[in-house]
Amino acid sequence: MPETPDSSLDLSVVAPAHNEAENVHELVRQVHAALEPLPIRWEFVIVDDGSTDRTAELVTSLLPDHPFLRLISMRDTPPGKGNGQSAAFHAGFRAARGNLIAVLDADLQNDPADIPAMLDLIARTNADMVQGDRSHARKDSPIRRIGSIVGRLARRWLLGDTIRDTGCSLRVFKRSFALRLPLEFRGMHRFIPVSVAHMGGKVVEMPVNHRPRLAGTTKYGFGLGRAIPGLIDLLAVRYMRNRRRPTASAEITPARHHQPSNHEPPRREPVA
């Protein structure tokens, strides 16, 4: 069961990690540097998704000296693999105790220094999500740029998705929306912004920094091996969107019987 958010905790930062031992120390340092100056209470939740390196060991070693840090370890992962980013987000969001959740990758390509501006924007615009946009900073190959354009057109056509950089993991949104996402299904993390919009949430975009990976190896492939599953997921999200129904409800209780006021005692019939 998901934990009840701690009303005194404003923000939970969630980062899935699979074999990111070389980045763990710097990731924790950068998140702390970005958030410690803010007048909020926050935590940093790292979700270890079946790492076969020292990721969990290194995070565990940091726990005693970093009270804001938490480690969630995924169970039942395939040998040598993780359950995937969607499953890791699902676990991290349920472990999170903040009213807002910030998400970033553990590979240091997302910049934690962008989070304060995202918190400011979500407050100023009364939005439910601020989605990062790296498109101004990316230097992709021509083939990858063409693939991105085709993907955006397909999303717009099938889902009405107008988000420019839906693949950017850096985002801030309300925990209430995070818990409603169907992230127990593989690949659904790619559709978090449009799913929030489909649930009636207000999504705004913000340019964010994008940095090259300096350590570790990328977990993503290219070509048909990624495009075909992505198309299948796209159709699945369209299927779910068309069948999503409102679930808000309220209990109806019987109206109370009229009770005489203290100033009007009940009338008694005289006894014959």
Protein backbone atom coordinates (compact mmCIF):
# COMPACT_ATOMS: atom_id res chain seq x y z
CA MET A 1 0.00 0.00 0.00
CA PRO A 2 1.32 3.51 -0.77
CA GLU A 3 2.38 5.56 2.19
CA THR A 4 0.35 8.56 3.27
CA PRO A 5 2.34 11.68 2.35
CA ASP A 6 3.90 13.53 5.24
CA SER A 7 2.25 16.96 5.26
CA SER A 8 5.47 18.49 6.55
CA LEU A 9 7.44 17.13 3.57
CA ASP A 10 7.16 19.32 0.52
CA LEU A 11 9.17 17.40 -2.06
CA SER A 12 10.42 13.91 -2.85
CA VAL A 13 13.09 13.53 -5.53
CA VAL A 14 12.96 10.07 -7.12
CA ALA A 15 15.76 8.60 -9.25
CA PRO A 16 15.71 5.04 -10.64
CA ALA A 17 19.22 3.55 -10.86
CA HIS A 18 20.48 0.46 -12.65
CA ASN A 19 24.25 -0.02 -12.54
CA GLU A 20 25.05 3.62 -11.79
CA ALA A 21 27.76 3.06 -9.17
CA GLU A 22 30.10 5.53 -10.85
CA ASN A 23 27.51 8.31 -10.61
CA VAL A 24 25.98 7.77 -7.16
CA HIS A 25 28.21 10.01 -5.05
CA GLU A 26 28.08 12.94 -7.47
CA LEU A 27 24.31 12.54 -7.94
CA VAL A 28 23.69 12.78 -4.19
CA ARG A 29 26.04 15.75 -3.90
CA GLN A 30 24.33 17.66 -6.72
CA VAL A 31 20.80 17.03 -5.44
CA HIS A 32 21.83 18.22 -1.98
CA ALA A 33 23.51 21.34 -3.41
CA ALA A 34 20.41 22.21 -5.45
CA LEU A 35 17.79 21.73 -2.72
CA GLU A 36 19.47 22.46 0.61
CA PRO A 37 19.25 26.28 0.18
CA LEU A 38 15.47 26.11 -0.38
CA PRO A 39 13.03 26.78 2.50
CA ILE A 40 11.34 23.40 2.07
CA ARG A 41 11.53 19.94 3.60
CA TRP A 42 12.60 17.32 1.10
CA GLU A 43 13.97 13.81 0.61
CA PHE A 44 15.91 11.98 -2.08
CA VAL A 45 14.73 8.46 -2.96
CA ILE A 46 17.05 6.30 -5.06
CA VAL A 47 15.41 3.16 -6.45
CA ASP A 48 17.95 0.42 -7.14
CA ASP A 49 16.52 -1.63 -9.99
CA GLY A 50 18.39 -4.91 -9.99
CA SER A 51 21.90 -3.43 -10.23
CA THR A 52 24.73 -5.94 -10.56
CA ASP A 53 27.44 -3.43 -9.64
CA ARG A 54 27.99 -1.60 -6.33
CA THR A 55 25.11 0.88 -6.72
CA ALA A 56 23.13 -0.36 -3.70
CA GLU A 57 26.27 -0.78 -1.61
CA LEU A 58 27.45 2.77 -2.26
CA VAL A 59 24.04 4.33 -1.60
CA THR A 60 23.80 2.34 1.63
CA SER A 61 27.19 3.69 2.71
CA LEU A 62 25.88 7.24 2.27
CA LEU A 63 22.72 6.80 4.35
CA PRO A 64 24.19 7.45 7.84
CA ASP A 65 25.64 10.86 6.88
CA HIS A 66 22.78 11.96 4.61
CA PRO A 67 19.49 11.89 6.56
CA PHE A 68 17.55 13.11 3.51
CA LEU A 69 18.61 10.05 1.50
CA ARG A 70 16.59 6.82 1.17
CA LEU A 71 17.23 3.62 -0.78
CA ILE A 72 14.45 1.46 -2.22
CA SER A 73 15.53 -1.92 -3.59
CA MET A 74 13.42 -3.60 -6.28
CA ARG A 75 12.63 -7.27 -5.66
CA ASP A 76 12.03 -10.13 -8.08
CA THR A 77 14.20 -8.64 -10.82
CA PRO A 78 15.39 -10.91 -13.65
CA PRO A 79 18.94 -12.25 -13.22
CA GLY A 80 21.39 -9.55 -14.26
CA LYS A 81 18.63 -7.12 -15.22
CA GLY A 82 16.15 -4.71 -13.71
CA ASN A 83 12.37 -4.56 -13.99
CA GLY A 84 12.66 -1.36 -15.99
CA GLN A 85 12.17 2.35 -15.42
CA SER A 86 8.38 2.18 -15.30
CA ALA A 87 8.42 -0.37 -12.47
CA ALA A 88 11.12 1.59 -10.63
CA PHE A 89 9.04 4.77 -10.83
CA HIS A 90 5.99 2.83 -9.61
CA ALA A 91 7.91 1.71 -6.51
CA GLY A 92 9.55 5.10 -5.95
CA PHE A 93 6.31 7.07 -6.17
CA ARG A 94 4.68 4.84 -3.56
CA ALA A 95 7.64 5.17 -1.25
CA ALA A 96 7.73 8.97 -1.67
CA ARG A 97 6.39 11.05 1.22
CA GLY A 98 6.32 14.51 -0.35
CA ASN A 99 3.30 16.28 -1.72
CA LEU A 100 5.31 17.03 -4.87
CA ILE A 101 7.54 14.56 -6.68
CA ALA A 102 10.56 15.49 -8.80
CA VAL A 103 11.97 12.85 -11.13
CA LEU A 104 15.40 12.65 -12.72
CA ASP A 105 17.69 10.01 -14.19
CA ALA A 106 20.60 8.75 -12.11
CA ASP A 107 23.09 9.11 -14.97
CA LEU A 108 23.70 12.85 -14.30
CA GLN A 109 22.42 13.87 -17.74
CA ASN A 110 19.57 15.69 -15.97
CA ASP A 111 20.70 18.67 -13.92
CA PRO A 112 19.29 18.83 -10.35
CA ALA A 113 20.00 22.57 -10.39
CA ASP A 114 16.90 22.96 -12.63
CA ILE A 115 14.55 21.67 -9.93
CA PRO A 116 14.19 24.94 -7.93
CA ALA A 117 13.02 26.80 -11.05
CA MET A 118 10.56 24.01 -11.80
CA LEU A 119 9.15 24.26 -8.27
CA ASP A 120 8.74 27.99 -8.74
CA LEU A 121 6.99 27.50 -12.09
CA ILE A 122 4.53 24.89 -10.84
CA ALA A 123 3.55 27.28 -8.04
CA ARG A 124 3.26 30.38 -10.26
CA THR A 125 1.20 28.67 -12.96
CA ASN A 126 -0.91 26.54 -10.61
CA ALA A 127 0.07 23.57 -12.78
CA ASP A 128 -0.09 19.89 -11.91
CA MET A 129 3.17 19.08 -13.72
CA VAL A 130 6.22 20.89 -15.04
CA GLN A 131 7.86 18.88 -17.81
CA GLY A 132 11.50 19.48 -18.73
CA ASP A 133 12.40 20.28 -22.34
CA ARG A 134 15.98 19.53 -23.49
CA SER A 135 15.35 20.08 -27.19
CA HIS A 136 17.25 23.38 -27.29
CA ALA A 137 20.37 21.77 -25.81
CA ARG A 138 20.52 18.34 -27.46
CA LYS A 139 22.99 17.62 -30.26
CA ASP A 140 21.46 14.49 -31.75
CA SER A 141 22.46 12.83 -34.98
CA PRO A 142 20.29 13.46 -38.08
CA ILE A 143 18.82 9.95 -37.84
CA ARG A 144 17.83 10.46 -34.22
CA ARG A 145 16.34 13.89 -34.96
CA ILE A 146 14.22 12.40 -37.74
CA GLY A 147 13.09 9.64 -35.39
CA SER A 148 12.12 12.22 -32.78
CA ILE A 149 10.08 14.21 -35.31
CA VAL A 150 8.24 11.08 -36.49
CA GLY A 151 7.59 10.07 -32.90
CA ARG A 152 6.18 13.48 -31.98
CA LEU A 153 3.88 13.46 -35.02
CA ALA A 154 2.59 9.99 -34.12
CA ARG A 155 1.97 11.03 -30.53
CA ARG A 156 0.13 14.17 -31.60
CA TRP A 157 -2.02 12.22 -34.06
CA LEU A 158 -2.88 9.26 -31.84
CA LEU A 159 -2.84 10.82 -28.36
CA GLY A 160 -3.19 14.57 -28.86
CA ASP A 161 0.23 14.86 -27.18
CA THR A 162 1.71 18.34 -27.65
CA ILE A 163 4.67 17.89 -25.28
CA ARG A 164 7.87 18.67 -27.19
CA ASP A 165 10.31 16.51 -25.19
CA THR A 166 8.28 13.75 -23.58
CA GLY A 167 11.44 11.64 -23.27
CA CYS A 168 12.99 14.02 -20.74
CA SER A 169 12.85 12.38 -17.31
CA LEU A 170 13.30 15.67 -15.44
CA ARG A 171 9.87 16.76 -14.23
CA VAL A 172 8.01 17.90 -11.12
CA PHE A 173 4.41 16.95 -10.47
CA LYS A 174 1.82 16.34 -7.80
CA ARG A 175 1.96 13.04 -5.96
CA SER A 176 -1.79 12.57 -6.43
CA PHE A 177 -1.25 12.23 -10.19
CA ALA A 178 1.88 10.09 -9.78
CA LEU A 179 -0.05 7.42 -7.89
CA ARG A 180 -2.67 7.12 -10.66
CA LEU A 181 -0.21 6.30 -13.45
CA PRO A 182 -0.29 2.66 -14.74
CA LEU A 183 3.44 2.23 -14.28
CA GLU A 184 3.26 -1.45 -13.46
CA PHE A 185 3.18 -1.90 -17.25
CA ARG A 186 6.52 -1.78 -19.05
CA GLY A 187 7.21 1.31 -21.14
CA MET A 188 4.54 3.51 -19.57
CA HIS A 189 7.13 5.93 -18.14
CA ARG A 190 7.48 7.35 -21.67
CA PHE A 191 3.88 8.56 -21.48
CA ILE A 192 3.84 10.22 -18.06
CA PRO A 193 3.19 13.82 -19.29
CA VAL A 194 0.39 12.93 -21.70
CA SER A 195 -1.16 10.57 -19.14
CA VAL A 196 -1.31 13.41 -16.60
CA ALA A 197 -2.97 15.57 -19.27
CA HIS A 198 -5.47 12.78 -20.06
CA MET A 199 -6.36 12.68 -16.36
CA GLY A 200 -7.24 16.37 -16.48
CA GLY A 201 -3.95 17.74 -15.17
CA LYS A 202 -2.38 20.98 -16.32
CA VAL A 203 1.07 20.33 -17.83
CA VAL A 204 3.50 23.15 -18.60
CA GLU A 205 6.96 22.86 -20.16
CA MET A 206 10.25 24.47 -19.16
CA PRO A 207 13.65 24.48 -20.90
CA VAL A 208 16.19 22.52 -18.86
CA ASN A 209 19.86 21.68 -19.09
CA HIS A 210 21.09 18.53 -20.82
CA ARG A 211 24.49 17.04 -20.15
CA PRO A 212 26.45 14.20 -21.76
CA ARG A 213 26.88 10.97 -19.83
CA LEU A 214 30.34 10.95 -18.29
CA ALA A 215 30.28 7.53 -16.57
CA GLY A 216 28.43 4.27 -16.88
CA THR A 217 26.67 3.02 -19.99
CA THR A 218 23.39 4.00 -21.59
CA LYS A 219 20.43 1.69 -20.95
CA TYR A 220 18.68 2.54 -24.21
CA GLY A 221 19.10 1.21 -27.73
CA PHE A 222 18.18 2.66 -31.09
CA GLY A 223 16.50 1.55 -34.30
CA LEU A 224 13.66 -0.94 -34.70
CA GLY A 225 14.45 -2.59 -31.38
CA ARG A 226 13.12 0.52 -29.67
CA ALA A 227 10.72 1.90 -32.29
CA ILE A 228 8.43 -1.13 -32.57
CA PRO A 229 7.84 -1.56 -28.79
CA GLY A 230 7.32 2.20 -28.62
CA LEU A 231 4.58 2.02 -31.26
CA ILE A 232 2.88 -0.84 -29.41
CA ASP A 233 3.00 1.18 -26.18
CA LEU A 234 1.58 4.19 -28.03
CA LEU A 235 -1.43 2.18 -29.16
CA ALA A 236 -1.86 0.78 -25.66
CA VAL A 237 -1.96 4.28 -24.15
CA ARG A 238 -4.53 5.35 -26.75
CA TYR A 239 -6.62 2.29 -25.82
CA MET A 240 -6.46 3.20 -22.12
CA ARG A 241 -7.20 6.87 -22.80
CA ASN A 242 -10.38 6.04 -24.69
CA ARG A 243 -11.56 3.79 -21.87
CA ARG A 244 -10.58 5.90 -18.88
CA ARG A 245 -13.58 6.91 -16.81
CA PRO A 246 -13.93 9.29 -13.87
CA THR A 247 -13.58 7.50 -10.52
CA ALA A 248 -14.36 10.31 -8.08
CA SER A 249 -17.17 9.42 -5.67
CA ALA A 250 -18.87 10.52 -2.48
CA GLU A 251 -20.78 8.62 0.17
CA ILE A 252 -24.46 9.45 0.49
CA THR A 253 -25.89 9.17 3.99
CA PRO A 254 -29.53 9.36 5.14
CA ALA A 255 -30.76 12.82 6.08
CA ARG A 256 -31.06 13.30 9.82
CA HIS A 257 -34.60 13.28 11.25
CA HIS A 258 -35.82 16.63 12.45
CA GLN A 259 -34.95 17.11 16.10
CA PRO A 260 -36.89 19.67 18.19
CA SER A 261 -34.76 22.58 19.33
CA ASN A 262 -33.95 23.19 22.98
CA HIS A 263 -36.25 26.20 22.91
CA GLU A 264 -39.22 24.25 21.61
CA PRO A 265 -39.99 21.28 23.87
CA PRO A 266 -42.11 18.59 22.23
CA ARG A 267 -45.84 19.05 22.62
CA ARG A 268 -47.55 16.50 24.84
CA GLU A 269 -51.22 15.58 24.48
CA PRO A 270 -53.19 15.78 27.77
CA VAL A 271 -54.04 12.48 29.32
CA ALA A 272 -57.82 11.92 29.56
